[in-house]
Amino acid sequence: MSEIKKRYTDEELEEFRQLIQEKIDKAQNDIKVLRDLLNSNDITQTKIISFEESATTYSKESNLRLIARLERFVRDLKNALIRIDNKTYGICRETGKLISKERLRAVPHATLSIEAKKRQDRK
């Protein structure tokens, strides 16, 4: 009888650590680019997107919302790194089962298995 796997191996966790760090680096770079764009005094750069002031304001608001989303994403990824350090990464917080590698590669900060996520979405 095969033993049920309770956690990912150190080698697997290291693979996920690298994936997560790459995503953190990219997101932080995207945040920097967006902030630089917002802080830029070069009005022509904004005017290329739109010639109307209201559209410029909308663009700034959109960028601020995107920055906030990216910051939450980075926070969630950093929390995933903590779970890797604690060797609890990839364990569904609801079922206690391992989250599939495919799901973790697609959503590396996931804390719920597909099964648990579907149950949660039905509520």
PDB file of N, CA and C in Angstrom:
ATOM      1  N   MET A   1       0.851  -1.180   0.000  1.00  0.00           N
ATOM      2  CA  MET A   1       0.000   0.000   0.000  1.00  0.00           C
ATOM      3  C   MET A   1       0.899   1.245   0.000  1.00  0.00           C
ATOM      4  N   SER A   2       0.626   2.174  -0.894  1.00  0.00           N
ATOM      5  CA  SER A   2       1.470   3.369  -0.973  1.00  0.00           C
ATOM      6  C   SER A   2       1.056   4.388   0.080  1.00  0.00           C
ATOM      7  N   GLU A   3       2.061   5.072   0.565  1.00  0.00           N
ATOM      8  CA  GLU A   3       1.836   6.086   1.599  1.00  0.00           C
ATOM      9  C   GLU A   3       1.332   7.370   0.952  1.00  0.00           C
ATOM     10  N   ILE A   4       0.363   8.012   1.568  1.00  0.00           N
ATOM     11  CA  ILE A   4      -0.161   9.278   1.054  1.00  0.00           C
ATOM     12  C   ILE A   4       0.836  10.378   1.387  1.00  0.00           C
ATOM     13  N   LYS A   5       1.163  11.149   0.365  1.00  0.00           N
ATOM     14  CA  LYS A   5       2.126  12.233   0.522  1.00  0.00           C
ATOM     15  C   LYS A   5       1.488  13.359   1.328  1.00  0.00           C
ATOM     16  N   LYS A   6       2.181  13.804   2.394  1.00  0.00           N
ATOM     17  CA  LYS A   6       1.621  14.820   3.283  1.00  0.00           C
ATOM     18  C   LYS A   6       2.151  16.214   3.010  1.00  0.00           C
ATOM     19  N   ARG A   7       3.331  16.273   2.363  1.00  0.00           N
ATOM     20  CA  ARG A   7       3.894  17.588   2.024  1.00  0.00           C
ATOM     21  C   ARG A   7       4.841  17.410   0.852  1.00  0.00           C
ATOM     22  N   TYR A   8       5.186  18.533   0.240  1.00  0.00           N
ATOM     23  CA  TYR A   8       6.137  18.502  -0.861  1.00  0.00           C
ATOM     24  C   TYR A   8       7.558  18.343  -0.312  1.00  0.00           C
ATOM     25  N   THR A   9       8.416  17.707  -1.115  1.00  0.00           N
ATOM     26  CA  THR A   9       9.809  17.501  -0.709  1.00  0.00           C
ATOM     27  C   THR A   9      10.547  18.833  -0.703  1.00  0.00           C
ATOM     28  N   ASP A  10      11.693  18.864  -0.061  1.00  0.00           N
ATOM     29  CA  ASP A  10      12.503  20.083  -0.045  1.00  0.00           C
ATOM     30  C   ASP A  10      12.871  20.513  -1.461  1.00  0.00           C
ATOM     31  N   GLU A  11      13.145  19.557  -2.338  1.00  0.00           N
ATOM     32  CA  GLU A  11      13.487  19.881  -3.728  1.00  0.00           C
ATOM     33  C   GLU A  11      12.294  20.514  -4.446  1.00  0.00           C
ATOM     34  N   GLU A  12      11.108  19.969  -4.217  1.00  0.00           N
ATOM     35  CA  GLU A  12       9.903  20.532  -4.829  1.00  0.00           C
ATOM     36  C   GLU A  12       9.627  21.926  -4.274  1.00  0.00           C
ATOM     37  N   LEU A  13       9.813  22.094  -2.970  1.00  0.00           N
ATOM     38  CA  LEU A  13       9.601  23.407  -2.352  1.00  0.00           C
ATOM     39  C   LEU A  13      10.579  24.426  -2.926  1.00  0.00           C
ATOM     40  N   GLU A  14      11.802  24.003  -3.183  1.00  0.00           N
ATOM     41  CA  GLU A  14      12.798  24.919  -3.765  1.00  0.00           C
ATOM     42  C   GLU A  14      12.384  25.331  -5.178  1.00  0.00           C
ATOM     43  N   GLU A  15      11.825  24.395  -5.929  1.00  0.00           N
ATOM     44  CA  GLU A  15      11.326  24.715  -7.275  1.00  0.00           C
ATOM     45  C   GLU A  15      10.238  25.788  -7.189  1.00  0.00           C
ATOM     46  N   PHE A  16       9.322  25.614  -6.233  1.00  0.00           N
ATOM     47  CA  PHE A  16       8.258  26.605  -6.052  1.00  0.00           C
ATOM     48  C   PHE A  16       8.826  27.936  -5.556  1.00  0.00           C
ATOM     49  N   ARG A  17       9.833  27.875  -4.685  1.00  0.00           N
ATOM     50  CA  ARG A  17      10.462  29.105  -4.181  1.00  0.00           C
ATOM     51  C   ARG A  17      11.001  29.938  -5.356  1.00  0.00           C
ATOM     52  N   GLN A  18      11.668  29.276  -6.277  1.00  0.00           N
ATOM     53  CA  GLN A  18      12.232  29.986  -7.428  1.00  0.00           C
ATOM     54  C   GLN A  18      11.134  30.587  -8.297  1.00  0.00           C
ATOM     55  N   LEU A  19      10.076  29.828  -8.552  1.00  0.00           N
ATOM     56  CA  LEU A  19       8.947  30.322  -9.331  1.00  0.00           C
ATOM     57  C   LEU A  19       8.332  31.547  -8.663  1.00  0.00           C
ATOM     58  N   ILE A  20       8.115  31.455  -7.359  1.00  0.00           N
ATOM     59  CA  ILE A  20       7.498  32.551  -6.609  1.00  0.00           C
ATOM     60  C   ILE A  20       8.408  33.779  -6.617  1.00  0.00           C
ATOM     61  N   GLN A  21       9.698  33.584  -6.416  1.00  0.00           N
ATOM     62  CA  GLN A  21      10.620  34.723  -6.401  1.00  0.00           C
ATOM     63  C   GLN A  21      10.636  35.429  -7.748  1.00  0.00           C
ATOM     64  N   GLU A  22      10.579  34.664  -8.834  1.00  0.00           N
ATOM     65  CA  GLU A  22      10.518  35.273 -10.173  1.00  0.00           C
ATOM     66  C   GLU A  22       9.254  36.124 -10.317  1.00  0.00           C
ATOM     67  N   LYS A  23       8.136  35.612  -9.816  1.00  0.00           N
ATOM     68  CA  LYS A  23       6.873  36.365  -9.897  1.00  0.00           C
ATOM     69  C   LYS A  23       6.921  37.626  -9.022  1.00  0.00           C
ATOM     70  N   ILE A  24       7.543  37.522  -7.856  1.00  0.00           N
ATOM     71  CA  ILE A  24       7.694  38.694  -6.983  1.00  0.00           C
ATOM     72  C   ILE A  24       8.538  39.746  -7.684  1.00  0.00           C
ATOM     73  N   ASP A  25       9.670  39.329  -8.254  1.00  0.00           N
ATOM     74  CA  ASP A  25      10.560  40.272  -8.934  1.00  0.00           C
ATOM     75  C   ASP A  25       9.849  40.973 -10.083  1.00  0.00           C
ATOM     76  N   LYS A  26       9.084  40.222 -10.879  1.00  0.00           N
ATOM     77  CA  LYS A  26       8.369  40.813 -12.010  1.00  0.00           C
ATOM     78  C   LYS A  26       7.302  41.790 -11.518  1.00  0.00           C
ATOM     79  N   ALA A  27       6.538  41.385 -10.514  1.00  0.00           N
ATOM     80  CA  ALA A  27       5.472  42.252  -9.997  1.00  0.00           C
ATOM     81  C   ALA A  27       6.056  43.530  -9.394  1.00  0.00           C
ATOM     82  N   GLN A  28       7.160  43.408  -8.657  1.00  0.00           N
ATOM     83  CA  GLN A  28       7.776  44.601  -8.078  1.00  0.00           C
ATOM     84  C   GLN A  28       8.316  45.525  -9.168  1.00  0.00           C
ATOM     85  N   ASN A  29       8.836  44.954 -10.233  1.00  0.00           N
ATOM     86  CA  ASN A  29       9.284  45.778 -11.357  1.00  0.00           C
ATOM     87  C   ASN A  29       8.096  46.481 -12.013  1.00  0.00           C
ATOM     88  N   ASP A  30       6.991  45.761 -12.183  1.00  0.00           N
ATOM     89  CA  ASP A  30       5.780  46.365 -12.757  1.00  0.00           C
ATOM     90  C   ASP A  30       5.270  47.505 -11.876  1.00  0.00           C
ATOM     91  N   ILE A  31       5.305  47.322 -10.568  1.00  0.00           N
ATOM     92  CA  ILE A  31       4.887  48.374  -9.632  1.00  0.00           C
ATOM     93  C   ILE A  31       5.774  49.603  -9.809  1.00  0.00           C
ATOM     94  N   LYS A  32       7.075  49.380  -9.916  1.00  0.00           N
ATOM     95  CA  LYS A  32       8.012  50.495 -10.085  1.00  0.00           C
ATOM     96  C   LYS A  32       7.731  51.257 -11.378  1.00  0.00           C
ATOM     97  N   VAL A  33       7.497  50.531 -12.462  1.00  0.00           N
ATOM     98  CA  VAL A  33       7.202  51.178 -13.747  1.00  0.00           C
ATOM     99  C   VAL A  33       5.931  52.009 -13.644  1.00  0.00           C
ATOM    100  N   LEU A  34       4.894  51.440 -13.030  1.00  0.00           N
ATOM    101  CA  LEU A  34       3.631  52.175 -12.890  1.00  0.00           C
ATOM    102  C   LEU A  34       3.788  53.405 -11.997  1.00  0.00           C
ATOM    103  N   ARG A  35       4.535  53.264 -10.910  1.00  0.00           N
ATOM    104  CA  ARG A  35       4.755  54.420 -10.022  1.00  0.00           C
ATOM    105  C   ARG A  35       5.559  55.502 -10.730  1.00  0.00           C
ATOM    106  N   ASP A  36       6.572  55.088 -11.483  1.00  0.00           N
ATOM    107  CA  ASP A  36       7.367  56.061 -12.239  1.00  0.00           C
ATOM    108  C   ASP A  36       6.488  56.805 -13.243  1.00  0.00           C
ATOM    109  N   LEU A  37       5.580  56.078 -13.872  1.00  0.00           N
ATOM    110  CA  LEU A  37       4.657  56.700 -14.825  1.00  0.00           C
ATOM    111  C   LEU A  37       3.750  57.707 -14.117  1.00  0.00           C
ATOM    112  N   LEU A  38       3.244  57.331 -12.948  1.00  0.00           N
ATOM    113  CA  LEU A  38       2.372  58.238 -12.192  1.00  0.00           C
ATOM    114  C   LEU A  38       3.126  59.472 -11.709  1.00  0.00           C
ATOM    115  N   ASN A  39       4.387  59.271 -11.318  1.00  0.00           N
ATOM    116  CA  ASN A  39       5.169  60.374 -10.771  1.00  0.00           C
ATOM    117  C   ASN A  39       5.853  61.215 -11.845  1.00  0.00           C
ATOM    118  N   SER A  40       5.734  60.758 -13.069  1.00  0.00           N
ATOM    119  CA  SER A  40       6.391  61.459 -14.170  1.00  0.00           C
ATOM    120  C   SER A  40       5.751  62.837 -14.379  1.00  0.00           C
ATOM    121  N   ASN A  41       6.593  63.819 -14.593  1.00  0.00           N
ATOM    122  CA  ASN A  41       6.097  65.162 -14.903  1.00  0.00           C
ATOM    123  C   ASN A  41       5.926  65.359 -16.388  1.00  0.00           C
ATOM    124  N   ASP A  42       6.212  64.333 -17.171  1.00  0.00           N
ATOM    125  CA  ASP A  42       6.109  64.409 -18.624  1.00  0.00           C
ATOM    126  C   ASP A  42       4.660  64.203 -19.029  1.00  0.00           C
ATOM    127  N   ILE A  43       3.931  65.296 -19.190  1.00  0.00           N
ATOM    128  CA  ILE A  43       2.507  65.241 -19.507  1.00  0.00           C
ATOM    129  C   ILE A  43       2.284  64.617 -20.878  1.00  0.00           C
ATOM    130  N   THR A  44       3.215  64.792 -21.797  1.00  0.00           N
ATOM    131  CA  THR A  44       3.011  64.266 -23.151  1.00  0.00           C
ATOM    132  C   THR A  44       2.875  62.747 -23.128  1.00  0.00           C
ATOM    133  N   GLN A  45       3.555  62.087 -22.194  1.00  0.00           N
ATOM    134  CA  GLN A  45       3.461  60.634 -22.105  1.00  0.00           C
ATOM    135  C   GLN A  45       2.025  60.223 -21.779  1.00  0.00           C
ATOM    136  N   THR A  46       1.387  60.943 -20.894  1.00  0.00           N
ATOM    137  CA  THR A  46       0.003  60.658 -20.556  1.00  0.00           C
ATOM    138  C   THR A  46      -0.919  61.084 -21.688  1.00  0.00           C
ATOM    139  N   LYS A  47      -0.609  62.176 -22.328  1.00  0.00           N
ATOM    140  CA  LYS A  47      -1.459  62.686 -23.394  1.00  0.00           C
ATOM    141  C   LYS A  47      -1.450  61.777 -24.619  1.00  0.00           C
ATOM    142  N   ILE A  48      -0.412  60.980 -24.776  1.00  0.00           N
ATOM    143  CA  ILE A  48      -0.391  60.033 -25.885  1.00  0.00           C
ATOM    144  C   ILE A  48      -1.547  59.051 -25.722  1.00  0.00           C
ATOM    145  N   ILE A  49      -1.821  58.660 -24.494  1.00  0.00           N
ATOM    146  CA  ILE A  49      -2.902  57.724 -24.220  1.00  0.00           C
ATOM    147  C   ILE A  49      -4.250  58.395 -24.497  1.00  0.00           C
ATOM    148  N   SER A  50      -4.401  59.623 -24.072  1.00  0.00           N
ATOM    149  CA  SER A  50      -5.664  60.315 -24.253  1.00  0.00           C
ATOM    150  C   SER A  50      -5.434  61.818 -24.242  1.00  0.00           C
ATOM    151  N   PHE A  51      -6.210  62.522 -25.035  1.00  0.00           N
ATOM    152  CA  PHE A  51      -6.067  63.977 -25.095  1.00  0.00           C
ATOM    153  C   PHE A  51      -6.998  64.674 -24.122  1.00  0.00           C
ATOM    154  N   GLU A  52      -7.895  63.949 -23.523  1.00  0.00           N
ATOM    155  CA  GLU A  52      -8.844  64.578 -22.608  1.00  0.00           C
ATOM    156  C   GLU A  52      -8.389  64.415 -21.167  1.00  0.00           C
ATOM    157  N   GLU A  53      -8.571  65.453 -20.380  1.00  0.00           N
ATOM    158  CA  GLU A  53      -8.155  65.424 -18.974  1.00  0.00           C
ATOM    159  C   GLU A  53      -8.876  64.329 -18.195  1.00  0.00           C
ATOM    160  N   SER A  54     -10.147  64.115 -18.471  1.00  0.00           N
ATOM    161  CA  SER A  54     -10.890  63.082 -17.744  1.00  0.00           C
ATOM    162  C   SER A  54     -10.315  61.699 -18.032  1.00  0.00           C
ATOM    163  N   ALA A  55      -9.884  61.460 -19.240  1.00  0.00           N
ATOM    164  CA  ALA A  55      -9.281  60.168 -19.582  1.00  0.00           C
ATOM    165  C   ALA A  55      -7.938  60.012 -18.885  1.00  0.00           C
ATOM    166  N   THR A  56      -7.211  61.116 -18.736  1.00  0.00           N
ATOM    167  CA  THR A  56      -5.932  61.072 -18.030  1.00  0.00           C
ATOM    168  C   THR A  56      -6.160  60.715 -16.568  1.00  0.00           C
ATOM    169  N   THR A  57      -7.178  61.313 -15.964  1.00  0.00           N
ATOM    170  CA  THR A  57      -7.514  61.013 -14.577  1.00  0.00           C
ATOM    171  C   THR A  57      -7.916  59.551 -14.437  1.00  0.00           C
ATOM    172  N   TYR A  58      -8.718  59.068 -15.393  1.00  0.00           N
ATOM    173  CA  TYR A  58      -9.128  57.670 -15.374  1.00  0.00           C
ATOM    174  C   TYR A  58      -7.914  56.763 -15.481  1.00  0.00           C
ATOM    175  N   SER A  59      -6.977  57.117 -16.338  1.00  0.00           N
ATOM    176  CA  SER A  59      -5.771  56.315 -16.512  1.00  0.00           C
ATOM    177  C   SER A  59      -4.969  56.254 -15.208  1.00  0.00           C
ATOM    178  N   LYS A  60      -4.854  57.392 -14.521  1.00  0.00           N
ATOM    179  CA  LYS A  60      -4.133  57.417 -13.241  1.00  0.00           C
ATOM    180  C   LYS A  60      -4.843  56.552 -12.208  1.00  0.00           C
ATOM    181  N   GLU A  61      -6.175  56.637 -12.170  1.00  0.00           N
ATOM    182  CA  GLU A  61      -6.938  55.815 -11.229  1.00  0.00           C
ATOM    183  C   GLU A  61      -6.772  54.335 -11.555  1.00  0.00           C
ATOM    184  N   SER A  62      -6.781  54.002 -12.821  1.00  0.00           N
ATOM    185  CA  SER A  62      -6.579  52.610 -13.236  1.00  0.00           C
ATOM    186  C   SER A  62      -5.207  52.122 -12.814  1.00  0.00           C
ATOM    187  N   ASN A  63      -4.195  52.961 -13.000  1.00  0.00           N
ATOM    188  CA  ASN A  63      -2.842  52.582 -12.597  1.00  0.00           C
ATOM    189  C   ASN A  63      -2.736  52.409 -11.082  1.00  0.00           C
ATOM    190  N   LEU A  64      -3.412  53.269 -10.328  1.00  0.00           N
ATOM    191  CA  LEU A  64      -3.397  53.140  -8.873  1.00  0.00           C
ATOM    192  C   LEU A  64      -4.058  51.833  -8.435  1.00  0.00           C
ATOM    193  N   ARG A  65      -5.178  51.471  -9.086  1.00  0.00           N
ATOM    194  CA  ARG A  65      -5.840  50.203  -8.771  1.00  0.00           C
ATOM    195  C   ARG A  65      -4.937  49.023  -9.135  1.00  0.00           C
ATOM    196  N   LEU A  66      -4.262  49.123 -10.265  1.00  0.00           N
ATOM    197  CA  LEU A  66      -3.352  48.056 -10.688  1.00  0.00           C
ATOM    198  C   LEU A  66      -2.189  47.925  -9.717  1.00  0.00           C
ATOM    199  N   ILE A  67      -1.651  49.042  -9.262  1.00  0.00           N
ATOM    200  CA  ILE A  67      -0.561  49.013  -8.273  1.00  0.00           C
ATOM    201  C   ILE A  67      -1.048  48.324  -6.997  1.00  0.00           C
ATOM    202  N   ALA A  68      -2.240  48.661  -6.535  1.00  0.00           N
ATOM    203  CA  ALA A  68      -2.784  48.045  -5.316  1.00  0.00           C
ATOM    204  C   ALA A  68      -2.944  46.537  -5.494  1.00  0.00           C
ATOM    205  N   ARG A  69      -3.431  46.115  -6.663  1.00  0.00           N
ATOM    206  CA  ARG A  69      -3.568  44.675  -6.933  1.00  0.00           C
ATOM    207  C   ARG A  69      -2.220  43.990  -6.934  1.00  0.00           C
ATOM    208  N   LEU A  70      -1.246  44.611  -7.575  1.00  0.00           N
ATOM    209  CA  LEU A  70       0.098  44.030  -7.626  1.00  0.00           C
ATOM    210  C   LEU A  70       0.717  43.955  -6.233  1.00  0.00           C
ATOM    211  N   GLU A  71       0.478  44.967  -5.407  1.00  0.00           N
ATOM    212  CA  GLU A  71       1.009  44.954  -4.038  1.00  0.00           C
ATOM    213  C   GLU A  71       0.388  43.820  -3.228  1.00  0.00           C
ATOM    214  N   ARG A  72      -0.921  43.576  -3.407  1.00  0.00           N
ATOM    215  CA  ARG A  72      -1.571  42.452  -2.717  1.00  0.00           C
ATOM    216  C   ARG A  72      -1.003  41.121  -3.220  1.00  0.00           C
ATOM    217  N   PHE A  73      -0.751  41.037  -4.527  1.00  0.00           N
ATOM    218  CA  PHE A  73      -0.179  39.843  -5.127  1.00  0.00           C
ATOM    219  C   PHE A  73       1.205  39.566  -4.545  1.00  0.00           C
ATOM    220  N   VAL A  74       2.032  40.598  -4.430  1.00  0.00           N
ATOM    221  CA  VAL A  74       3.374  40.444  -3.845  1.00  0.00           C
ATOM    222  C   VAL A  74       3.256  39.997  -2.386  1.00  0.00           C
ATOM    223  N   ARG A  75       2.336  40.600  -1.647  1.00  0.00           N
ATOM    224  CA  ARG A  75       2.129  40.208  -0.244  1.00  0.00           C
ATOM    225  C   ARG A  75       1.758  38.728  -0.145  1.00  0.00           C
ATOM    226  N   ASP A  76       0.835  38.293  -1.003  1.00  0.00           N
ATOM    227  CA  ASP A  76       0.407  36.898  -0.986  1.00  0.00           C
ATOM    228  C   ASP A  76       1.551  35.959  -1.377  1.00  0.00           C
ATOM    229  N   LEU A  77       2.371  36.381  -2.337  1.00  0.00           N
ATOM    230  CA  LEU A  77       3.525  35.565  -2.737  1.00  0.00           C
ATOM    231  C   LEU A  77       4.551  35.476  -1.609  1.00  0.00           C
ATOM    232  N   LYS A  78       4.764  36.580  -0.905  1.00  0.00           N
ATOM    233  CA  LYS A  78       5.705  36.559   0.231  1.00  0.00           C
ATOM    234  C   LYS A  78       5.182  35.659   1.343  1.00  0.00           C
ATOM    235  N   ASN A  79       3.872  35.643   1.538  1.00  0.00           N
ATOM    236  CA  ASN A  79       3.285  34.723   2.514  1.00  0.00           C
ATOM    237  C   ASN A  79       3.503  33.275   2.089  1.00  0.00           C
ATOM    238  N   ALA A  80       3.465  33.030   0.782  1.00  0.00           N
ATOM    239  CA  ALA A  80       3.730  31.686   0.266  1.00  0.00           C
ATOM    240  C   ALA A  80       5.175  31.286   0.571  1.00  0.00           C
ATOM    241  N   LEU A  81       6.103  32.231   0.470  1.00  0.00           N
ATOM    242  CA  LEU A  81       7.505  31.938   0.806  1.00  0.00           C
ATOM    243  C   LEU A  81       7.641  31.554   2.281  1.00  0.00           C
ATOM    244  N   ILE A  82       6.868  32.204   3.136  1.00  0.00           N
ATOM    245  CA  ILE A  82       6.878  31.858   4.565  1.00  0.00           C
ATOM    246  C   ILE A  82       6.375  30.425   4.744  1.00  0.00           C
ATOM    247  N   ARG A  83       5.319  30.058   4.004  1.00  0.00           N
ATOM    248  CA  ARG A  83       4.804  28.689   4.101  1.00  0.00           C
ATOM    249  C   ARG A  83       5.846  27.686   3.595  1.00  0.00           C
ATOM    250  N   ILE A  84       6.627  28.076   2.591  1.00  0.00           N
ATOM    251  CA  ILE A  84       7.709  27.195   2.131  1.00  0.00           C
ATOM    252  C   ILE A  84       8.717  27.002   3.252  1.00  0.00           C
ATOM    253  N   ASP A  85       9.115  28.101   3.895  1.00  0.00           N
ATOM    254  CA  ASP A  85      10.064  28.008   5.018  1.00  0.00           C
ATOM    255  C   ASP A  85       9.526  27.115   6.135  1.00  0.00           C
ATOM    256  N   ASN A  86       8.214  27.176   6.366  1.00  0.00           N
ATOM    257  CA  ASN A  86       7.575  26.377   7.416  1.00  0.00           C
ATOM    258  C   ASN A  86       7.241  24.957   6.952  1.00  0.00           C
ATOM    259  N   LYS A  87       7.501  24.697   5.668  1.00  0.00           N
ATOM    260  CA  LYS A  87       7.209  23.393   5.046  1.00  0.00           C
ATOM    261  C   LYS A  87       5.718  23.060   5.066  1.00  0.00           C
ATOM    262  N   THR A  88       4.893  24.105   5.028  1.00  0.00           N
ATOM    263  CA  THR A  88       3.445  23.906   4.940  1.00  0.00           C
ATOM    264  C   THR A  88       2.903  24.350   3.586  1.00  0.00           C
ATOM    265  N   TYR A  89       3.790  24.762   2.698  1.00  0.00           N
ATOM    266  CA  TYR A  89       3.373  25.244   1.376  1.00  0.00           C
ATOM    267  C   TYR A  89       2.717  24.107   0.592  1.00  0.00           C
ATOM    268  N   GLY A  90       1.636  24.431  -0.059  1.00  0.00           N
ATOM    269  CA  GLY A  90       0.966  23.464  -0.917  1.00  0.00           C
ATOM    270  C   GLY A  90      -0.027  22.577  -0.195  1.00  0.00           C
ATOM    271  N   ILE A  91      -0.241  22.832   1.076  1.00  0.00           N
ATOM    272  CA  ILE A  91      -1.220  22.054   1.839  1.00  0.00           C
ATOM    273  C   ILE A  91      -2.493  22.897   1.949  1.00  0.00           C
ATOM    274  N   CYS A  92      -3.586  22.337   1.483  1.00  0.00           N
ATOM    275  CA  CYS A  92      -4.870  23.051   1.504  1.00  0.00           C
ATOM    276  C   CYS A  92      -5.253  23.369   2.936  1.00  0.00           C
ATOM    277  N   ARG A  93      -5.579  24.630   3.185  1.00  0.00           N
ATOM    278  CA  ARG A  93      -5.911  25.052   4.549  1.00  0.00           C
ATOM    279  C   ARG A  93      -7.282  24.547   4.990  1.00  0.00           C
ATOM    280  N   GLU A  94      -8.071  24.046   4.040  1.00  0.00           N
ATOM    281  CA  GLU A  94      -9.394  23.547   4.399  1.00  0.00           C
ATOM    282  C   GLU A  94      -9.437  22.023   4.503  1.00  0.00           C
ATOM    283  N   THR A  95      -8.834  21.346   3.531  1.00  0.00           N
ATOM    284  CA  THR A  95      -8.915  19.875   3.505  1.00  0.00           C
ATOM    285  C   THR A  95      -7.689  19.199   4.112  1.00  0.00           C
ATOM    286  N   GLY A  96      -6.570  19.900   4.181  1.00  0.00           N
ATOM    287  CA  GLY A  96      -5.334  19.310   4.677  1.00  0.00           C
ATOM    288  C   GLY A  96      -4.617  18.461   3.648  1.00  0.00           C
ATOM    289  N   LYS A  97      -5.182  18.371   2.444  1.00  0.00           N
ATOM    290  CA  LYS A  97      -4.572  17.588   1.373  1.00  0.00           C
ATOM    291  C   LYS A  97      -3.621  18.470   0.573  1.00  0.00           C
ATOM    292  N   LEU A  98      -2.740  17.808  -0.177  1.00  0.00           N
ATOM    293  CA  LEU A  98      -1.832  18.569  -1.030  1.00  0.00           C
ATOM    294  C   LEU A  98      -2.586  19.209  -2.188  1.00  0.00           C
ATOM    295  N   ILE A  99      -2.257  20.459  -2.454  1.00  0.00           N
ATOM    296  CA  ILE A  99      -2.771  21.161  -3.625  1.00  0.00           C
ATOM    297  C   ILE A  99      -1.946  20.666  -4.805  1.00  0.00           C
ATOM    298  N   SER A 100      -2.588  20.437  -5.938  1.00  0.00           N
ATOM    299  CA  SER A 100      -1.882  19.884  -7.090  1.00  0.00           C
ATOM    300  C   SER A 100      -0.769  20.830  -7.563  1.00  0.00           C
ATOM    301  N   LYS A 101       0.288  20.233  -8.080  1.00  0.00           N
ATOM    302  CA  LYS A 101       1.403  21.031  -8.600  1.00  0.00           C
ATOM    303  C   LYS A 101       0.938  21.943  -9.731  1.00  0.00           C
ATOM    304  N   GLU A 102       0.033  21.444 -10.551  1.00  0.00           N
ATOM    305  CA  GLU A 102      -0.473  22.242 -11.671  1.00  0.00           C
ATOM    306  C   GLU A 102      -1.142  23.518 -11.161  1.00  0.00           C
ATOM    307  N   ARG A 103      -1.945  23.377 -10.119  1.00  0.00           N
ATOM    308  CA  ARG A 103      -2.615  24.563  -9.544  1.00  0.00           C
ATOM    309  C   ARG A 103      -1.592  25.521  -8.957  1.00  0.00           C
ATOM    310  N   LEU A 104      -0.601  24.981  -8.248  1.00  0.00           N
ATOM    311  CA  LEU A 104       0.404  25.845  -7.623  1.00  0.00           C
ATOM    312  C   LEU A 104       1.281  26.536  -8.666  1.00  0.00           C
ATOM    313  N   ARG A 105       1.509  25.888  -9.779  1.00  0.00           N
ATOM    314  CA  ARG A 105       2.280  26.552 -10.844  1.00  0.00           C
ATOM    315  C   ARG A 105       1.472  27.694 -11.456  1.00  0.00           C
ATOM    316  N   ALA A 106       0.161  27.492 -11.559  1.00  0.00           N
ATOM    317  CA  ALA A 106      -0.711  28.528 -12.122  1.00  0.00           C
ATOM    318  C   ALA A 106      -1.010  29.631 -11.110  1.00  0.00           C
ATOM    319  N   VAL A 107      -1.213  29.243  -9.856  1.00  0.00           N
ATOM    320  CA  VAL A 107      -1.553  30.186  -8.786  1.00  0.00           C
ATOM    321  C   VAL A 107      -0.651  29.857  -7.594  1.00  0.00           C
ATOM    322  N   PRO A 108       0.611  30.317  -7.637  1.00  0.00           N
ATOM    323  CA  PRO A 108       1.579  29.885  -6.625  1.00  0.00           C
ATOM    324  C   PRO A 108       1.269  30.323  -5.194  1.00  0.00           C
ATOM    325  N   HIS A 109       0.365  31.258  -5.027  1.00  0.00           N
ATOM    326  CA  HIS A 109       0.005  31.700  -3.680  1.00  0.00           C
ATOM    327  C   HIS A 109      -1.284  31.030  -3.179  1.00  0.00           C
ATOM    328  N   ALA A 110      -1.764  30.031  -3.919  1.00  0.00           N
ATOM    329  CA  ALA A 110      -3.006  29.347  -3.553  1.00  0.00           C
ATOM    330  C   ALA A 110      -2.878  28.677  -2.181  1.00  0.00           C
ATOM    331  N   THR A 111      -3.945  28.763  -1.417  1.00  0.00           N
ATOM    332  CA  THR A 111      -3.994  28.088  -0.115  1.00  0.00           C
ATOM    333  C   THR A 111      -5.136  27.083  -0.062  1.00  0.00           C
ATOM    334  N   LEU A 112      -5.890  27.005  -1.155  1.00  0.00           N
ATOM    335  CA  LEU A 112      -7.004  26.068  -1.239  1.00  0.00           C
ATOM    336  C   LEU A 112      -6.827  25.161  -2.453  1.00  0.00           C
ATOM    337  N   SER A 113      -7.182  23.894  -2.291  1.00  0.00           N
ATOM    338  CA  SER A 113      -7.207  22.978  -3.426  1.00  0.00           C
ATOM    339  C   SER A 113      -8.385  23.364  -4.323  1.00  0.00           C
ATOM    340  N   ILE A 114      -8.402  22.830  -5.529  1.00  0.00           N
ATOM    341  CA  ILE A 114      -9.521  23.097  -6.437  1.00  0.00           C
ATOM    342  C   ILE A 114     -10.831  22.653  -5.780  1.00  0.00           C
ATOM    343  N   GLU A 115     -10.800  21.497  -5.151  1.00  0.00           N
ATOM    344  CA  GLU A 115     -11.977  20.949  -4.472  1.00  0.00           C
ATOM    345  C   GLU A 115     -12.504  21.940  -3.420  1.00  0.00           C
ATOM    346  N   ALA A 116     -11.624  22.444  -2.581  1.00  0.00           N
ATOM    347  CA  ALA A 116     -12.035  23.375  -1.524  1.00  0.00           C
ATOM    348  C   ALA A 116     -12.473  24.709  -2.112  1.00  0.00           C
ATOM    349  N   LYS A 117     -11.802  25.160  -3.160  1.00  0.00           N
ATOM    350  CA  LYS A 117     -12.152  26.433  -3.797  1.00  0.00           C
ATOM    351  C   LYS A 117     -13.546  26.350  -4.410  1.00  0.00           C
ATOM    352  N   LYS A 118     -13.859  25.239  -5.055  1.00  0.00           N
ATOM    353  CA  LYS A 118     -15.184  25.060  -5.635  1.00  0.00           C
ATOM    354  C   LYS A 118     -16.260  25.068  -4.559  1.00  0.00           C
ATOM    355  N   ARG A 119     -15.979  24.403  -3.437  1.00  0.00           N
ATOM    356  CA  ARG A 119     -16.936  24.406  -2.323  1.00  0.00           C
ATOM    357  C   ARG A 119     -17.142  25.815  -1.799  1.00  0.00           C
ATOM    358  N   GLN A 120     -16.051  26.560  -1.680  1.00  0.00           N
ATOM    359  CA  GLN A 120     -16.123  27.929  -1.180  1.00  0.00           C
ATOM    360  C   GLN A 120     -16.924  28.815  -2.132  1.00  0.00           C
ATOM    361  N   ASP A 121     -16.724  28.624  -3.437  1.00  0.00           N
ATOM    362  CA  ASP A 121     -17.431  29.434  -4.433  1.00  0.00           C
ATOM    363  C   ASP A 121     -18.934  29.156  -4.449  1.00  0.00           C
ATOM    364  N   ARG A 122     -19.336  27.964  -4.047  1.00  0.00           N
ATOM    365  CA  ARG A 122     -20.760  27.607  -4.026  1.00  0.00           C
ATOM    366  C   ARG A 122     -21.495  28.241  -2.859  1.00  0.00           C
ATOM    367  N   LYS A 123     -20.765  28.635  -1.832  1.00  0.00           N
ATOM    368  CA  LYS A 123     -21.396  29.200  -0.626  1.00  0.00           C
ATOM    369  C   LYS A 123     -21.944  30.567  -0.873  1.00  0.00           C
TER     370      LYS A 123
END
